[in-house]
Amino acid sequence: MEDCYRLTMPKPRKPFSLTTLPITMGLLITSYLLTPSPTACAEMYQYIDANGTISLTNVPSDMRYRRIDILSNHLHPTISEQELEPMISRFSRQHQLHPALIRAVIKAESGFDPHAVSRAGAVGLMQLMPQTAARMDVRDLYDPEDNIGGGTKYLRQLLDRFRGNLPLALAAYNAGENVVDRYRTLPPYTETRQYVRKVLRYYRVFLTRDLAATGHVIASSETVAQPPVQSVSVSPAQ
């Protein structure tokens, strides 16, 4: 039986961004796939540390490594809303966010894929950057409960920071709070503006679905950000 060998990405001098190493990662994975190996070696594992460094290996020595099924057409199976509903409901009450808003952010960020990783290095259901996750006391970015807990905590902080203005909070979630502070309005970034519109659209969809299914909009805690009716440039939510 052939020995499996370890593939580990070197730690960058600056915070890691997947956009800086697409060719390197592609060559590593391609080389691994083309190397003859038994079925036991047809697995790879990934770990992203607090600095955003990605390590790849086929012989994990740490429980924090997560398996990547590189031979499958469906690398990252999604989780159903029903499975996530108990977590969403709990964090909705804890952080005073409407469940429909949490679902909307998850839908826009990852499409309910707990193993999603963006080109910038954001991870999991609510696409937390490793640095943000560390601030929110998230220990396992791939764990749905841990990720949603950190994401909702961060979103609540952003809503408080921008006085309940949901579009600005969402813009900060996407582009960073310092960017929104600098412009004091929605940043002039196409990606960020599209993201805000997408989340608000999903928010309305989930609110409407709740109404159709139950005859009323599912309530959460007392202070909940509401989606604006017309424009993303709105006054703070009540």
Protein backbone atom coordinates (compact mmCIF):
# COMPACT_ATOMS: atom_id res chain seq x y z
CA MET A 1 0.00 0.00 0.00
CA GLU A 2 1.40 3.40 -0.98
CA ASP A 3 1.98 6.00 1.67
CA CYS A 4 -0.23 9.06 1.68
CA TYR A 5 1.67 12.30 1.88
CA ARG A 6 0.86 15.62 3.48
CA LEU A 7 0.00 18.77 1.55
CA THR A 8 0.10 21.92 3.66
CA MET A 9 -0.23 25.49 2.43
CA PRO A 10 2.55 27.73 3.82
CA LYS A 11 1.51 30.49 6.19
CA PRO A 12 1.43 33.85 4.38
CA ARG A 13 3.05 36.97 5.81
CA LYS A 14 -0.24 38.85 5.40
CA PRO A 15 -3.79 37.68 6.32
CA PHE A 16 -4.68 34.94 3.87
CA SER A 17 -6.90 35.57 0.86
CA LEU A 18 -7.85 32.78 -1.46
CA THR A 19 -7.55 35.22 -4.36
CA THR A 20 -3.79 35.35 -3.83
CA LEU A 21 -3.17 31.64 -4.25
CA PRO A 22 -5.60 30.18 -6.81
CA ILE A 23 -2.86 28.74 -9.04
CA THR A 24 -0.94 27.22 -6.13
CA MET A 25 -4.01 25.53 -4.69
CA GLY A 26 -5.07 24.32 -8.10
CA LEU A 27 -1.66 22.78 -8.75
CA LEU A 28 -1.61 21.12 -5.35
CA ILE A 29 -5.02 19.54 -5.75
CA THR A 30 -4.41 18.59 -9.38
CA SER A 31 -1.09 16.98 -8.46
CA TYR A 32 -2.76 15.07 -5.68
CA LEU A 33 -5.51 13.77 -7.95
CA LEU A 34 -3.05 12.65 -10.64
CA THR A 35 -0.84 10.76 -8.20
CA PRO A 36 -1.69 7.03 -8.10
CA SER A 37 -3.05 6.11 -4.72
CA PRO A 38 -5.42 3.61 -3.13
CA THR A 39 -8.98 4.45 -2.17
CA ALA A 40 -7.88 5.30 1.34
CA CYS A 41 -5.80 8.18 -0.01
CA ALA A 42 -8.62 9.69 -2.08
CA GLU A 43 -9.44 12.08 0.73
CA MET A 44 -8.23 15.53 1.66
CA TYR A 45 -8.76 17.57 4.78
CA GLN A 46 -8.77 21.32 5.28
CA TYR A 47 -8.18 23.54 8.29
CA ILE A 48 -8.39 27.36 8.42
CA ASP A 49 -6.73 28.98 11.43
CA ALA A 50 -7.51 32.30 13.10
CA ASN A 51 -5.16 34.15 10.73
CA GLY A 52 -6.96 32.83 7.66
CA THR A 53 -4.18 30.37 6.78
CA ILE A 54 -5.49 27.30 4.93
CA SER A 55 -3.80 23.94 5.49
CA LEU A 56 -4.54 20.94 3.26
CA THR A 57 -3.57 17.38 4.14
CA ASN A 58 -4.61 13.79 3.49
CA VAL A 59 -3.28 12.61 6.86
CA PRO A 60 -4.93 14.91 9.43
CA SER A 61 -3.19 15.09 12.78
CA ASP A 62 -5.65 17.52 14.36
CA MET A 63 -9.40 17.17 15.01
CA ARG A 64 -9.96 20.66 13.58
CA TYR A 65 -9.30 19.40 10.05
CA ARG A 66 -12.46 18.91 7.98
CA ARG A 67 -12.80 16.36 5.20
CA ILE A 68 -13.15 17.61 1.61
CA ASP A 69 -14.63 15.09 -0.81
CA ILE A 70 -12.61 16.12 -3.88
CA LEU A 71 -13.94 13.26 -6.02
CA SER A 72 -17.57 14.22 -5.59
CA ASN A 73 -19.59 16.56 -7.77
CA HIS A 74 -21.26 17.80 -4.62
CA LEU A 75 -18.36 18.87 -2.45
CA HIS A 76 -20.42 20.56 0.22
CA PRO A 77 -23.84 19.15 1.09
CA THR A 78 -26.26 21.80 2.32
CA ILE A 79 -28.30 21.67 5.51
CA SER A 80 -32.06 22.05 5.42
CA GLU A 81 -33.76 24.99 7.06
CA GLN A 82 -35.68 22.54 9.23
CA GLU A 83 -32.44 21.22 10.71
CA LEU A 84 -31.22 24.74 11.44
CA GLU A 85 -34.52 26.10 12.79
CA PRO A 86 -33.87 25.26 16.48
CA MET A 87 -30.51 27.04 16.34
CA ILE A 88 -31.93 29.99 14.43
CA SER A 89 -34.80 30.36 16.90
CA ARG A 90 -32.47 30.25 19.89
CA PHE A 91 -30.01 32.81 18.53
CA SER A 92 -32.93 34.94 17.32
CA ARG A 93 -34.13 35.26 20.91
CA GLN A 94 -30.62 35.66 22.31
CA HIS A 95 -29.58 38.48 19.97
CA GLN A 96 -33.01 39.98 19.24
CA LEU A 97 -32.95 39.30 15.52
CA HIS A 98 -35.89 38.11 13.47
CA PRO A 99 -35.55 34.46 12.42
CA ALA A 100 -36.36 35.46 8.83
CA LEU A 101 -33.42 37.88 8.83
CA ILE A 102 -31.02 35.19 10.04
CA ARG A 103 -32.28 32.80 7.35
CA ALA A 104 -31.91 35.55 4.74
CA VAL A 105 -28.27 36.18 5.64
CA ILE A 106 -27.49 32.46 5.60
CA LYS A 107 -29.20 32.08 2.22
CA ALA A 108 -27.32 35.02 0.71
CA GLU A 109 -23.97 34.14 2.26
CA SER A 110 -23.69 30.37 1.78
CA GLY A 111 -26.91 28.95 0.36
CA PHE A 112 -27.12 26.83 3.55
CA ASP A 113 -23.73 25.20 2.86
CA PRO A 114 -21.89 24.83 6.21
CA HIS A 115 -18.58 24.13 4.45
CA ALA A 116 -18.67 27.08 2.04
CA VAL A 117 -15.39 29.01 1.76
CA SER A 118 -15.23 32.26 -0.19
CA ARG A 119 -12.29 33.50 -2.27
CA ALA A 120 -11.58 36.00 0.52
CA GLY A 121 -11.43 33.23 3.14
CA ALA A 122 -14.89 33.65 4.76
CA VAL A 123 -16.16 30.33 6.10
CA GLY A 124 -19.39 28.55 6.91
CA LEU A 125 -23.11 29.25 6.91
CA MET A 126 -22.80 32.95 7.72
CA GLN A 127 -19.41 33.33 5.98
CA LEU A 128 -17.35 34.60 8.89
CA MET A 129 -13.80 35.73 8.33
CA PRO A 130 -11.41 33.98 10.74
CA GLN A 131 -10.51 37.28 12.41
CA THR A 132 -14.18 38.14 12.96
CA ALA A 133 -14.89 34.63 14.19
CA ALA A 134 -12.14 34.99 16.79
CA ARG A 135 -13.70 38.25 18.01
CA MET A 136 -17.07 36.53 18.31
CA ASP A 137 -15.56 33.59 20.25
CA VAL A 138 -16.27 31.10 17.46
CA ARG A 139 -14.15 28.00 17.89
CA ASP A 140 -15.28 25.91 14.90
CA LEU A 141 -16.22 27.88 11.79
CA TYR A 142 -17.63 24.76 10.12
CA ASP A 143 -19.94 23.89 12.98
CA PRO A 144 -23.43 25.23 12.11
CA GLU A 145 -24.32 26.15 15.67
CA ASP A 146 -21.01 27.84 16.37
CA ASN A 147 -21.08 29.70 13.05
CA ILE A 148 -24.67 30.93 13.42
CA GLY A 149 -23.97 31.95 17.00
CA GLY A 150 -21.00 34.05 15.91
CA GLY A 151 -22.74 35.47 12.84
CA THR A 152 -25.87 36.56 14.72
CA LYS A 153 -23.77 38.06 17.51
CA TYR A 154 -21.81 40.06 14.94
CA LEU A 155 -24.96 41.18 13.10
CA ARG A 156 -26.50 42.33 16.39
CA GLN A 157 -23.37 44.36 17.15
CA LEU A 158 -23.52 45.98 13.71
CA LEU A 159 -27.20 46.87 14.12
CA ASP A 160 -26.42 48.48 17.47
CA ARG A 161 -23.44 50.31 15.99
CA PHE A 162 -25.53 51.74 13.14
CA ARG A 163 -28.56 52.46 15.33
CA GLY A 164 -30.84 49.85 13.85
CA ASN A 165 -30.25 50.82 10.23
CA LEU A 166 -30.50 47.39 8.63
CA PRO A 167 -29.07 48.26 5.18
CA LEU A 168 -26.01 49.85 6.78
CA ALA A 169 -25.56 46.89 9.12
CA LEU A 170 -25.73 44.49 6.17
CA ALA A 171 -23.30 46.63 4.19
CA ALA A 172 -20.90 46.49 7.14
CA TYR A 173 -21.35 42.71 7.38
CA ASN A 174 -20.28 42.48 3.74
CA ALA A 175 -17.65 45.21 3.38
CA GLY A 176 -16.58 45.86 6.97
CA GLU A 177 -17.78 48.33 9.56
CA ASN A 178 -14.86 50.71 9.00
CA VAL A 179 -15.84 51.09 5.34
CA VAL A 180 -19.40 52.06 6.28
CA ASP A 181 -18.08 54.42 8.95
CA ARG A 182 -15.93 56.12 6.33
CA TYR A 183 -18.78 56.72 3.86
CA ARG A 184 -21.55 57.12 6.48
CA THR A 185 -23.92 55.60 3.95
CA LEU A 186 -23.99 52.55 1.69
CA PRO A 187 -20.48 52.21 0.22
CA PRO A 188 -20.28 52.83 -3.54
CA TYR A 189 -19.35 49.20 -4.18
CA THR A 190 -21.50 47.27 -6.63
CA GLU A 191 -20.93 43.97 -4.84
CA THR A 192 -21.95 45.40 -1.46
CA ARG A 193 -25.06 47.14 -2.79
CA GLN A 194 -26.12 43.97 -4.59
CA TYR A 195 -25.53 41.99 -1.42
CA VAL A 196 -27.74 44.33 0.64
CA ARG A 197 -30.53 44.09 -1.91
CA LYS A 198 -30.23 40.30 -2.02
CA VAL A 199 -30.49 39.90 1.74
CA LEU A 200 -33.45 42.28 1.96
CA ARG A 201 -35.17 40.38 -0.85
CA TYR A 202 -34.67 37.06 0.91
CA TYR A 203 -35.82 38.65 4.16
CA ARG A 204 -39.15 39.63 2.60
CA VAL A 205 -39.50 36.19 1.00
CA PHE A 206 -39.02 34.42 4.34
CA LEU A 207 -41.39 36.82 6.11
CA THR A 208 -44.04 36.22 3.42
CA ARG A 209 -43.54 32.47 3.62
CA ASP A 210 -43.98 32.53 7.39
CA LEU A 211 -47.20 34.48 6.93
CA ALA A 212 -48.53 32.05 4.31
CA ALA A 213 -47.64 28.99 6.40
CA THR A 214 -48.87 30.14 9.80
CA GLY A 215 -51.29 32.98 9.13
CA HIS A 216 -48.97 35.38 10.96
CA VAL A 217 -45.37 36.53 10.83
CA ILE A 218 -43.30 34.54 13.29
CA ALA A 219 -42.27 36.94 16.02
CA SER A 220 -38.94 37.12 17.78
CA SER A 221 -37.75 39.30 20.64
CA GLU A 222 -38.79 42.88 21.26
CA THR A 223 -36.21 44.82 19.26
CA VAL A 224 -36.03 43.46 15.73
CA ALA A 225 -34.77 45.14 12.57
CA GLN A 226 -37.44 45.24 9.86
CA PRO A 227 -36.80 45.28 6.12
CA PRO A 228 -37.30 48.64 4.41
CA VAL A 229 -40.29 48.85 2.10
CA GLN A 230 -38.85 50.56 -0.96
CA SER A 231 -35.17 51.50 -0.92
CA VAL A 232 -31.97 50.38 0.72
CA SER A 233 -31.35 53.98 1.73
CA VAL A 234 -33.66 54.18 4.72
CA SER A 235 -33.75 55.62 8.18
CA PRO A 236 -32.96 53.38 11.17
CA ALA A 237 -35.45 50.59 11.76
CA GLN A 238 -37.82 50.90 14.67
